[in-house]
Amino acid sequence: MGYTMVVANKLAFMTSSGNSSTVQILILILFAFILILSLGLLWLHINAIRRIQNQNRLKKKIEAAAKKALSAKSNNLAEQLLPSKEIFTRRGLAALATVYDSMNSKNKEKLKEILLNMGLSDYLAKQLDSDNEDYLLEIIHLAGEMNLRELSDNITQTMIENKGNINEQYEAFLALARFGSYDNINKICMDKNYVQVLSFRSLQEIMNAYTGDKPKLYKALLKSPDAYIVRVCIKAIGLKKIKELAPDIAVFLDSENMNLIIEAMRSLSALSYMPAIEKITTLLKHDRWEVRGVAVQALAALDLEGNVDNFISALQDSEWQVRFNASAALRKIKDDSITEKVLATGDKYALDMLKYMIDFGQIGGTV
């Protein structure tokens, strides 16, 4: 706005000074600038339309090639319909990824067979050296979707060379998981110098996508120097009911990491691992209330009837959430003596929670 005012003032000055020819020249320059700008925008618009048209043309060609190959005894005709000079380009790979995602499994396998015969794996391996982040993401994603396991080492090397890039790390980890690449995932996760930057949810998704021997992978990764990785594995062991690994996660009850202790208790209770009861009982005295609260829940899941006294003791905890968890456990137990035992403690916190339970009809009796 300021620049426009300066130009306007300049024009006014020139006009008042009788420099009309100069003003006319400036106006012509302004109109020429607007015309060039308009033509440039028009060119960009036309170019964008052409790109879309070319993309759609490539998609149709890929679909036709796959369809033809399904009905033919040889892939030769399909390959003629799908020239490598068009497919083995960034634009071609983008079209390929879109079409491949939308195909049924039978068509995917046939199209994959055609492209592998054309040298797709070798081409993608070379493209993994690209410095273009978006292009790398497209390549890694396509390799994962097509289950090109032969690219595991290449993708792992790309991960190592691009440490800290969250998008590349996610796509690469996910591809390796789909490949069931035990050695490469283990290599990355056990590397003290490789810091993963993914969220807990993303890591869960990756571990869940792993197509190899999950118990073997989880057992190995429990020794990872990255506590985040260890926590994801502990959680996965519980969710997938891998009971043979219960002793391996029980050792984390002695961890100095609060989150690992909590995750271990939750998984051990999900696995009904009774040998953990003794250690979990001691965690009712842990310094962190978060640990004490989950310890109550874990004991309730492992042995509800056998921990009445522990729950009553937890009702005397200074933290409300711990007391609430204890009351939630006690209300599941049909024992008329519970109210009397709580009253006998004379503890203010325990009596307040007992009153809360009675007021909300969670337990019978009066205080």
Protein backbone atom coordinates (compact mmCIF):
# COMPACT_ATOMS: atom_id res chain seq x y z
CA MET A 1 0.00 0.00 0.00
CA GLY A 2 2.87 2.36 0.87
CA TYR A 3 4.61 1.58 -2.41
CA THR A 4 1.42 2.36 -4.38
CA MET A 5 1.14 5.75 -2.67
CA VAL A 6 4.76 6.53 -3.51
CA VAL A 7 4.13 5.70 -7.19
CA ALA A 8 0.94 7.76 -7.18
CA ASN A 9 2.71 10.74 -5.63
CA LYS A 10 5.54 10.38 -8.14
CA LEU A 11 3.05 10.35 -11.02
CA ALA A 12 1.28 13.38 -9.61
CA PHE A 13 4.56 15.19 -9.25
CA MET A 14 5.58 14.34 -12.80
CA THR A 15 2.18 15.43 -14.13
CA SER A 16 2.34 18.72 -12.27
CA SER A 17 5.85 19.22 -13.60
CA GLY A 18 4.69 18.73 -17.17
CA ASN A 19 6.40 15.38 -17.61
CA SER A 20 3.37 13.82 -19.34
CA SER A 21 5.48 11.69 -21.66
CA THR A 22 7.25 10.11 -18.68
CA VAL A 23 3.88 9.38 -17.08
CA GLN A 24 2.66 7.72 -20.25
CA ILE A 25 5.76 5.53 -20.36
CA LEU A 26 5.24 4.48 -16.71
CA ILE A 27 1.60 3.62 -17.42
CA LEU A 28 2.64 1.53 -20.42
CA ILE A 29 5.21 -0.28 -18.27
CA LEU A 30 2.54 -0.92 -15.63
CA PHE A 31 0.12 -2.34 -18.20
CA ALA A 32 2.91 -4.47 -19.70
CA PHE A 33 3.73 -5.80 -16.24
CA ILE A 34 0.07 -6.69 -15.62
CA LEU A 35 -0.16 -8.37 -19.02
CA ILE A 36 2.99 -10.45 -18.40
CA LEU A 37 1.74 -11.41 -14.95
CA SER A 38 -1.64 -12.47 -16.36
CA LEU A 39 0.00 -14.51 -19.10
CA GLY A 40 2.25 -16.15 -16.50
CA LEU A 41 -0.71 -17.13 -14.34
CA LEU A 42 -2.54 -18.41 -17.42
CA TRP A 43 0.49 -20.51 -18.36
CA LEU A 44 0.68 -21.99 -14.85
CA HIS A 45 -3.03 -22.82 -15.00
CA ILE A 46 -2.72 -24.48 -18.42
CA ASN A 47 0.37 -26.37 -17.27
CA ALA A 48 -1.46 -27.64 -14.18
CA ILE A 49 -4.34 -28.87 -16.35
CA ARG A 50 -1.87 -30.64 -18.65
CA ARG A 51 -0.20 -32.32 -15.67
CA ILE A 52 -3.57 -33.59 -14.47
CA GLN A 53 -4.46 -34.80 -17.94
CA ASN A 54 -1.10 -36.58 -18.30
CA GLN A 55 -1.53 -38.11 -14.84
CA ASN A 56 -5.00 -39.41 -15.76
CA ARG A 57 -3.69 -40.72 -19.08
CA LEU A 58 -0.92 -42.61 -17.29
CA LYS A 59 -3.37 -44.05 -14.77
CA LYS A 60 -5.60 -45.36 -17.56
CA LYS A 61 -2.59 -46.84 -19.34
CA ILE A 62 -1.46 -48.63 -16.17
CA GLU A 63 -4.97 -49.99 -15.54
CA ALA A 64 -5.25 -51.18 -19.15
CA ALA A 65 -1.87 -52.93 -18.96
CA ALA A 66 -2.80 -54.79 -15.79
CA LYS A 67 -6.17 -55.80 -17.24
CA LYS A 68 -4.55 -56.99 -20.46
CA ALA A 69 -1.96 -59.00 -18.59
CA LEU A 70 -4.65 -60.80 -16.60
CA SER A 71 -6.23 -62.11 -19.79
CA ALA A 72 -3.01 -62.81 -21.70
CA LYS A 73 -0.59 -65.72 -21.47
CA SER A 74 2.39 -63.38 -21.74
CA ASN A 75 3.24 -60.02 -20.21
CA ASN A 76 4.88 -58.79 -23.41
CA LEU A 77 1.79 -57.05 -24.73
CA ALA A 78 1.15 -55.42 -21.37
CA GLU A 79 4.70 -54.11 -21.25
CA GLN A 80 4.23 -52.58 -24.68
CA LEU A 81 1.20 -50.74 -23.30
CA LEU A 82 3.29 -49.60 -20.35
CA PRO A 83 6.58 -48.16 -21.66
CA SER A 84 9.24 -47.76 -18.98
CA LYS A 85 10.20 -44.28 -20.22
CA GLU A 86 6.79 -43.09 -19.02
CA ILE A 87 6.44 -45.14 -15.86
CA PHE A 88 10.00 -44.80 -14.59
CA THR A 89 9.70 -41.09 -13.92
CA ARG A 90 8.55 -39.18 -10.85
CA ARG A 91 5.20 -38.43 -12.49
CA GLY A 92 4.85 -42.03 -13.59
CA LEU A 93 5.56 -43.38 -10.09
CA ALA A 94 2.99 -41.00 -8.59
CA ALA A 95 0.36 -42.30 -11.03
CA LEU A 96 1.43 -45.88 -10.35
CA ALA A 97 1.06 -45.44 -6.59
CA THR A 98 -2.46 -44.04 -6.96
CA VAL A 99 -3.60 -46.84 -9.27
CA TYR A 100 -1.93 -49.57 -7.25
CA ASP A 101 -3.64 -48.47 -4.02
CA SER A 102 -7.06 -48.74 -5.67
CA MET A 103 -6.58 -52.23 -7.18
CA ASN A 104 -7.77 -55.54 -5.81
CA SER A 105 -5.13 -58.01 -4.63
CA LYS A 106 -5.24 -60.12 -7.82
CA ASN A 107 -4.62 -57.13 -10.08
CA LYS A 108 -1.92 -55.84 -7.74
CA GLU A 109 0.06 -59.05 -7.99
CA LYS A 110 -0.14 -59.08 -11.79
CA LEU A 111 0.86 -55.45 -12.11
CA LYS A 112 3.71 -56.02 -9.67
CA GLU A 113 4.91 -58.96 -11.78
CA ILE A 114 4.94 -56.78 -14.91
CA LEU A 115 6.81 -53.94 -13.25
CA LEU A 116 9.41 -56.20 -11.66
CA ASN A 117 10.11 -57.70 -15.09
CA MET A 118 10.62 -54.15 -16.33
CA GLY A 119 13.24 -53.49 -13.62
CA LEU A 120 11.20 -51.54 -11.07
CA SER A 121 13.24 -52.63 -8.02
CA ASP A 122 16.55 -51.53 -9.54
CA TYR A 123 15.03 -48.21 -10.57
CA LEU A 124 13.60 -47.50 -7.11
CA ALA A 125 16.89 -48.47 -5.44
CA LYS A 126 18.66 -45.78 -7.48
CA GLN A 127 15.98 -43.20 -6.72
CA LEU A 128 16.47 -43.67 -2.98
CA ASP A 129 19.58 -41.49 -3.36
CA SER A 130 17.35 -38.50 -4.15
CA ASP A 131 17.67 -35.32 -2.08
CA ASN A 132 14.00 -34.49 -2.65
CA GLU A 133 12.11 -35.37 0.54
CA ASP A 134 8.68 -35.62 -1.10
CA TYR A 135 10.02 -37.88 -3.82
CA LEU A 136 11.75 -40.12 -1.26
CA LEU A 137 8.50 -40.45 0.67
CA GLU A 138 6.67 -41.49 -2.51
CA ILE A 139 9.31 -44.12 -3.33
CA ILE A 140 9.44 -45.61 0.17
CA HIS A 141 5.65 -45.67 0.43
CA LEU A 142 5.33 -47.40 -2.96
CA ALA A 143 8.00 -49.96 -2.01
CA GLY A 144 6.10 -50.71 1.20
CA GLU A 145 2.74 -51.01 -0.55
CA MET A 146 4.20 -53.35 -3.18
CA ASN A 147 6.09 -55.35 -0.54
CA LEU A 148 9.42 -55.01 -2.33
CA ARG A 149 11.47 -56.72 0.38
CA GLU A 150 14.58 -56.66 -1.75
CA LEU A 151 14.79 -52.92 -0.97
CA SER A 152 15.04 -53.42 2.82
CA ASP A 153 18.74 -52.63 3.01
CA ASN A 154 18.40 -49.60 0.73
CA ILE A 155 15.56 -48.16 2.80
CA THR A 156 17.46 -48.79 6.03
CA GLN A 157 20.47 -46.94 4.66
CA THR A 158 18.20 -44.04 3.68
CA MET A 159 16.87 -43.94 7.27
CA ILE A 160 20.40 -43.77 8.66
CA GLU A 161 21.40 -41.01 6.27
CA ASN A 162 18.29 -38.94 7.04
CA LYS A 163 18.18 -39.08 10.84
CA GLY A 164 15.63 -36.81 12.46
CA ASN A 165 13.28 -36.58 9.48
CA ILE A 166 10.00 -37.68 11.04
CA ASN A 167 8.14 -38.25 7.76
CA GLU A 168 10.86 -40.38 6.18
CA GLN A 169 11.35 -42.24 9.45
CA TYR A 170 7.67 -43.15 9.64
CA GLU A 171 7.39 -44.35 6.02
CA ALA A 172 10.67 -46.27 6.23
CA PHE A 173 9.81 -47.98 9.54
CA LEU A 174 6.36 -48.87 8.20
CA ALA A 175 7.85 -50.32 4.99
CA LEU A 176 10.35 -52.42 6.96
CA ALA A 177 7.51 -53.65 9.19
CA ARG A 178 5.48 -54.70 6.15
CA PHE A 179 8.53 -56.54 4.81
CA GLY A 180 8.91 -58.34 8.14
CA SER A 181 12.51 -57.14 8.10
CA TYR A 182 13.71 -58.34 11.51
CA ASP A 183 17.43 -57.65 10.98
CA ASN A 184 16.99 -54.09 9.74
CA ILE A 185 14.40 -53.04 12.33
CA ASN A 186 16.58 -54.55 15.04
CA LYS A 187 19.63 -52.75 13.61
CA ILE A 188 17.91 -49.37 13.76
CA CYS A 189 16.26 -49.82 17.17
CA MET A 190 19.43 -51.10 18.83
CA ASP A 191 21.58 -48.25 17.52
CA LYS A 192 22.34 -45.90 20.44
CA ASN A 193 23.14 -43.11 17.99
CA TYR A 194 19.83 -43.38 16.16
CA VAL A 195 17.12 -41.40 17.92
CA GLN A 196 13.63 -42.08 16.64
CA VAL A 197 11.28 -39.09 16.71
CA LEU A 198 7.95 -40.82 16.11
CA SER A 199 4.96 -40.61 18.42
CA PHE A 200 3.93 -43.50 20.64
CA ARG A 201 0.85 -44.05 18.48
CA SER A 202 2.93 -44.18 15.27
CA LEU A 203 5.32 -46.71 16.79
CA GLN A 204 2.37 -48.85 17.84
CA GLU A 205 1.02 -48.77 14.30
CA ILE A 206 4.41 -49.81 12.93
CA MET A 207 4.85 -52.69 15.38
CA ASN A 208 1.33 -53.87 14.64
CA ALA A 209 2.07 -53.85 10.89
CA TYR A 210 5.09 -56.14 11.34
CA THR A 211 4.56 -59.29 9.26
CA GLY A 212 7.36 -61.38 10.70
CA ASP A 213 7.68 -63.31 13.96
CA LYS A 214 6.31 -60.74 16.41
CA PRO A 215 7.35 -62.50 19.66
CA LYS A 216 10.91 -62.77 18.35
CA LEU A 217 11.03 -59.08 17.43
CA TYR A 218 9.45 -57.89 20.69
CA LYS A 219 11.79 -60.00 22.80
CA ALA A 220 14.81 -58.54 21.00
CA LEU A 221 13.59 -54.95 21.20
CA LEU A 222 12.99 -55.16 24.94
CA LYS A 223 16.77 -54.62 25.12
CA SER A 224 16.65 -51.46 23.01
CA PRO A 225 18.38 -48.39 24.50
CA ASP A 226 15.29 -46.39 23.51
CA ALA A 227 12.73 -46.55 26.35
CA TYR A 228 10.01 -45.50 23.91
CA ILE A 229 10.61 -48.60 21.78
CA VAL A 230 10.69 -50.81 24.87
CA ARG A 231 7.41 -49.39 26.13
CA VAL A 232 5.68 -50.01 22.79
CA CYS A 233 6.86 -53.62 22.82
CA ILE A 234 5.70 -54.18 26.42
CA LYS A 235 2.28 -52.83 25.52
CA ALA A 236 2.10 -54.96 22.36
CA ILE A 237 3.01 -58.11 24.31
CA GLY A 238 0.06 -57.53 26.62
CA LEU A 239 -2.39 -56.64 23.88
CA LYS A 240 -1.45 -59.65 21.77
CA LYS A 241 -1.44 -61.99 24.77
CA ILE A 242 2.09 -63.27 24.18
CA LYS A 243 2.29 -65.12 27.48
CA GLU A 244 5.72 -66.65 26.91
CA LEU A 245 7.23 -63.16 27.15
CA ALA A 246 5.67 -62.35 30.54
CA PRO A 247 8.91 -63.14 32.44
CA ASP A 248 10.81 -60.85 30.05
CA ILE A 249 8.62 -57.86 30.86
CA ALA A 250 8.35 -58.65 34.58
CA VAL A 251 11.94 -57.42 35.00
CA PHE A 252 10.75 -53.90 34.16
CA LEU A 253 8.86 -53.75 37.46
CA ASP A 254 12.26 -52.79 38.89
CA SER A 255 12.87 -50.10 36.29
CA GLU A 256 13.68 -46.51 37.22
CA ASN A 257 11.43 -45.39 34.37
CA MET A 258 7.91 -44.82 35.68
CA ASN A 259 6.26 -45.35 32.29
CA LEU A 260 7.96 -48.72 31.83
CA ILE A 261 6.83 -49.86 35.29
CA ILE A 262 3.25 -48.84 34.55
CA GLU A 263 3.21 -50.48 31.11
CA ALA A 264 4.74 -53.66 32.55
CA MET A 265 2.05 -53.90 35.26
CA ARG A 266 -0.74 -53.41 32.74
CA SER A 267 0.64 -56.07 30.39
CA LEU A 268 1.36 -58.54 33.18
CA SER A 269 -2.19 -58.22 34.46
CA ALA A 270 -3.50 -58.69 30.91
CA LEU A 271 -1.38 -61.85 30.68
CA SER A 272 -2.61 -63.08 34.09
CA TYR A 273 1.01 -63.50 35.20
CA MET A 274 0.55 -64.49 38.85
CA PRO A 275 4.27 -64.52 39.81
CA ALA A 276 4.21 -60.71 39.47
CA ILE A 277 1.76 -60.21 42.35
CA GLU A 278 4.41 -60.06 45.07
CA LYS A 279 6.44 -57.38 43.30
CA ILE A 280 3.36 -55.37 42.29
CA THR A 281 2.24 -55.37 45.93
CA THR A 282 5.46 -53.60 46.90
CA LEU A 283 4.73 -50.96 44.27
CA LEU A 284 1.73 -49.84 46.35
CA LYS A 285 4.38 -47.95 48.33
CA HIS A 286 6.06 -46.38 45.29
CA ASP A 287 6.96 -42.68 45.45
CA ARG A 288 4.85 -41.85 42.40
CA TRP A 289 1.08 -41.94 42.83
CA GLU A 290 0.67 -42.90 39.15
CA VAL A 291 2.52 -46.16 39.85
CA ARG A 292 0.51 -46.81 43.04
CA GLY A 293 -2.75 -46.25 41.19
CA VAL A 294 -1.93 -48.72 38.41
CA ALA A 295 -0.59 -51.21 40.97
CA VAL A 296 -4.07 -51.29 42.55
CA GLN A 297 -5.66 -51.93 39.15
CA ALA A 298 -3.15 -54.66 38.31
CA LEU A 299 -3.73 -56.48 41.60
CA ALA A 300 -7.49 -56.24 41.06
CA ALA A 301 -7.07 -57.88 37.65
CA LEU A 302 -4.72 -60.60 38.89
CA ASP A 303 -6.32 -61.56 42.19
CA LEU A 304 -9.32 -59.53 43.24
CA GLU A 305 -10.47 -61.59 46.24
CA GLY A 306 -6.96 -62.11 47.58
CA ASN A 307 -6.06 -58.43 47.85
CA VAL A 308 -8.85 -57.00 50.00
CA ASP A 309 -6.42 -55.85 52.69
CA ASN A 310 -4.18 -54.21 50.09
CA PHE A 311 -7.15 -52.34 48.64
CA ILE A 312 -8.22 -51.16 52.09
CA SER A 313 -4.67 -49.93 52.70
CA ALA A 314 -4.79 -48.13 49.34
CA LEU A 315 -7.96 -46.38 50.50
CA GLN A 316 -5.70 -44.58 52.96
CA ASP A 317 -3.44 -43.20 50.20
CA SER A 318 -3.01 -39.42 50.12
CA GLU A 319 -3.81 -39.32 46.39
CA TRP A 320 -7.50 -39.35 45.45
CA GLN A 321 -7.01 -41.37 42.24
CA VAL A 322 -5.31 -44.19 44.13
CA ARG A 323 -8.15 -44.26 46.67
CA PHE A 324 -10.71 -44.24 43.88
CA ASN A 325 -9.02 -47.20 42.13
CA ALA A 326 -9.05 -49.07 45.43
CA SER A 327 -12.73 -48.35 45.94
CA ALA A 328 -13.46 -49.51 42.38
CA ALA A 329 -11.82 -52.83 43.22
CA LEU A 330 -13.59 -53.21 46.56
CA ARG A 331 -17.05 -52.61 45.13
CA LYS A 332 -16.60 -55.69 42.93
CA ILE A 333 -16.15 -57.89 46.01
CA LYS A 334 -19.22 -59.29 47.74
CA ASP A 335 -18.06 -59.18 51.34
CA ASP A 336 -20.20 -57.60 54.03
CA SER A 337 -17.19 -57.20 56.30
CA ILE A 338 -15.47 -54.68 54.04
CA THR A 339 -17.34 -51.68 55.46
CA GLU A 340 -16.43 -52.69 58.99
CA LYS A 341 -12.77 -53.17 58.06
CA VAL A 342 -12.62 -49.72 56.50
CA LEU A 343 -14.30 -48.14 59.52
CA ALA A 344 -11.80 -49.91 61.76
CA THR A 345 -8.90 -48.09 60.10
CA GLY A 346 -10.17 -44.77 61.41
CA ASP A 347 -8.33 -43.17 58.47
CA LYS A 348 -9.82 -39.89 57.23
CA TYR A 349 -9.06 -40.60 53.59
CA ALA A 350 -10.47 -44.13 53.77
CA LEU A 351 -13.64 -42.97 55.52
CA ASP A 352 -14.19 -40.18 53.00
CA MET A 353 -13.90 -42.65 50.12
CA LEU A 354 -16.18 -45.10 51.89
CA LYS A 355 -18.79 -42.36 52.28
CA TYR A 356 -18.38 -41.48 48.60
CA MET A 357 -18.99 -45.12 47.66
CA ILE A 358 -22.08 -45.37 49.87
CA ASP A 359 -23.53 -42.05 48.65
CA PHE A 360 -23.32 -43.24 45.06
CA GLY A 361 -24.75 -46.66 45.85
CA GLN A 362 -21.54 -48.49 45.10
CA ILE A 363 -21.46 -50.27 48.42
CA GLY A 364 -24.01 -50.94 51.13
CA GLY A 365 -23.91 -49.62 54.71
CA THR A 366 -23.78 -46.33 56.62
CA VAL A 367 -21.03 -44.20 58.04
